[in-house]
Protein backbone atom coordinates (compact mmCIF):
# COMPACT_ATOMS: atom_id res chain seq x y z
CA UNK A 1 -0.65 -101.68 243.42
CA UNK A 2 0.26 -98.43 245.17
CA UNK A 3 3.98 -97.76 245.64
CA UNK A 4 5.09 -97.40 249.26
CA UNK A 5 6.97 -94.21 250.17
CA UNK A 6 10.03 -95.08 252.23
CA UNK A 7 11.18 -93.50 255.49
CA UNK A 8 14.55 -92.93 253.80
CA UNK A 9 12.80 -90.16 251.88
CA UNK A 10 12.54 -88.27 255.18
CA UNK A 11 16.34 -88.45 255.62
CA UNK A 12 16.68 -86.47 252.37
CA UNK A 13 14.37 -83.64 253.54
CA UNK A 14 16.11 -80.28 253.45
CA UNK A 15 18.99 -81.45 251.24
CA UNK A 16 17.88 -79.72 248.06
CA UNK A 17 20.99 -78.29 246.41
CA UNK A 18 22.84 -80.60 244.02
CA UNK A 19 26.61 -80.29 244.57
CA UNK A 20 27.39 -82.96 241.98
CA UNK A 21 26.03 -85.94 240.12
CA UNK A 22 28.28 -88.89 239.33
CA UNK A 23 27.40 -91.49 236.71
CA UNK A 24 29.48 -94.66 236.69
CA UNK A 25 29.21 -97.54 234.24
CA UNK A 26 30.55 -100.95 235.29
CA UNK A 27 31.90 -102.53 232.09
CA UNK A 28 32.08 -105.98 233.66
CA UNK A 29 28.54 -106.21 235.06
CA UNK A 30 26.98 -103.79 232.51
CA UNK A 31 25.19 -101.74 235.16
CA UNK A 32 25.11 -98.02 235.96
CA UNK A 33 25.36 -96.40 239.37
CA UNK A 34 24.44 -92.77 240.08
CA UNK A 35 25.55 -90.77 243.10
CA UNK A 36 23.83 -87.50 243.98
CA UNK A 37 25.81 -85.29 246.36
CA UNK A 38 23.24 -83.03 248.02
CA UNK A 39 23.60 -80.06 250.37
CA UNK A 40 21.24 -78.23 252.70
CA UNK A 41 21.10 -74.54 251.72
CA UNK A 42 20.41 -73.53 255.33
CA UNK A 43 23.09 -75.56 257.15
CA UNK A 44 25.60 -76.28 254.35
CA UNK A 45 25.70 -79.90 255.56
CA UNK A 46 25.82 -82.55 252.89
CA UNK A 47 24.87 -86.13 252.22
CA UNK A 48 25.04 -88.52 249.29
CA UNK A 49 22.38 -90.69 247.71
CA UNK A 50 23.92 -93.71 245.99
CA UNK A 51 21.59 -95.35 243.48
CA UNK A 52 22.78 -98.78 242.34
CA UNK A 53 21.95 -100.52 239.06
CA UNK A 54 20.05 -97.55 237.67
CA UNK A 55 17.73 -97.76 234.70
CA UNK A 56 15.50 -95.23 232.97
CA UNK A 57 17.46 -92.18 234.18
CA UNK A 58 15.68 -88.98 233.20
CA UNK A 59 17.06 -85.47 233.77
CA UNK A 60 15.08 -82.36 232.86
CA UNK A 61 16.37 -78.78 233.06
CA UNK A 62 19.38 -79.97 235.05
CA UNK A 63 22.44 -77.74 235.43
CA UNK A 64 23.12 -74.29 234.04
CA UNK A 65 23.48 -72.71 237.48
CA UNK A 66 21.98 -73.71 240.82
CA UNK A 67 20.26 -77.09 240.51
CA UNK A 68 17.81 -78.10 243.22
CA UNK A 69 15.82 -81.25 243.84
CA UNK A 70 13.03 -79.78 245.94
CA UNK A 71 11.08 -82.88 246.96
CA UNK A 72 12.89 -86.15 246.31
CA UNK A 73 10.82 -89.30 246.92
CA UNK A 74 11.94 -92.95 246.99
CA UNK A 75 9.18 -95.51 246.48
CA UNK A 76 9.36 -99.28 246.96
CA UNK A 77 8.02 -100.83 243.76
CA UNK A 78 9.40 -104.34 244.37
CA UNK A 79 5.89 -105.85 244.43
CA UNK A 80 5.62 -105.11 240.70
CA UNK A 81 8.34 -107.77 240.19
CA UNK A 82 10.13 -105.84 237.47
CA UNK A 83 13.51 -107.16 236.37
CA UNK A 84 16.24 -105.58 238.57
CA UNK A 85 13.93 -102.74 239.69
CA UNK A 86 13.02 -102.42 243.35
CA UNK A 87 12.79 -98.65 243.80
CA UNK A 88 11.50 -95.64 241.90
CA UNK A 89 13.20 -92.32 242.69
CA UNK A 90 11.73 -89.02 241.56
CA UNK A 91 11.77 -85.31 242.24
CA UNK A 92 8.07 -84.51 242.43
CA UNK A 93 8.09 -80.70 242.54
CA UNK A 94 9.36 -79.98 239.01
CA UNK A 95 10.17 -83.42 237.59
CA UNK A 96 13.88 -82.64 237.15
CA UNK A 97 15.17 -86.09 238.19
CA UNK A 98 13.69 -89.58 237.90
CA UNK A 99 14.99 -93.14 237.68
CA UNK A 100 14.51 -96.73 238.77
CA UNK A 101 17.13 -98.69 240.67
CA UNK A 102 17.79 -102.02 242.29
CA UNK A 103 19.34 -100.74 245.54
CA UNK A 104 20.07 -97.39 247.16
CA UNK A 105 22.01 -96.04 250.11
CA UNK A 106 21.90 -92.70 251.94
CA UNK A 107 25.39 -91.75 253.15
CA UNK A 108 25.64 -88.98 255.74
């Protein structure tokens, strides 16, 4: 099975600078949500990527100055029928961010 790259990935193009990363744990449902607040370095416009019910969050060389996610890709992996995992999100240029999630939303 080959994961399908989503058109929502195109909406993230150009938003490379990480303004903030929020990690929230729901103590009732025992799930984690992650929100990435991204900014375009050329236009200073921002958007947010809300990842719901995150698992397997991996951060590498994150922080310590300007943090960029140069090529963020969202893949539909729902055909694999993994428990509560429908999407795989990863930064493919340097591998600085990666996770699986059940749902996601791009907020402009």
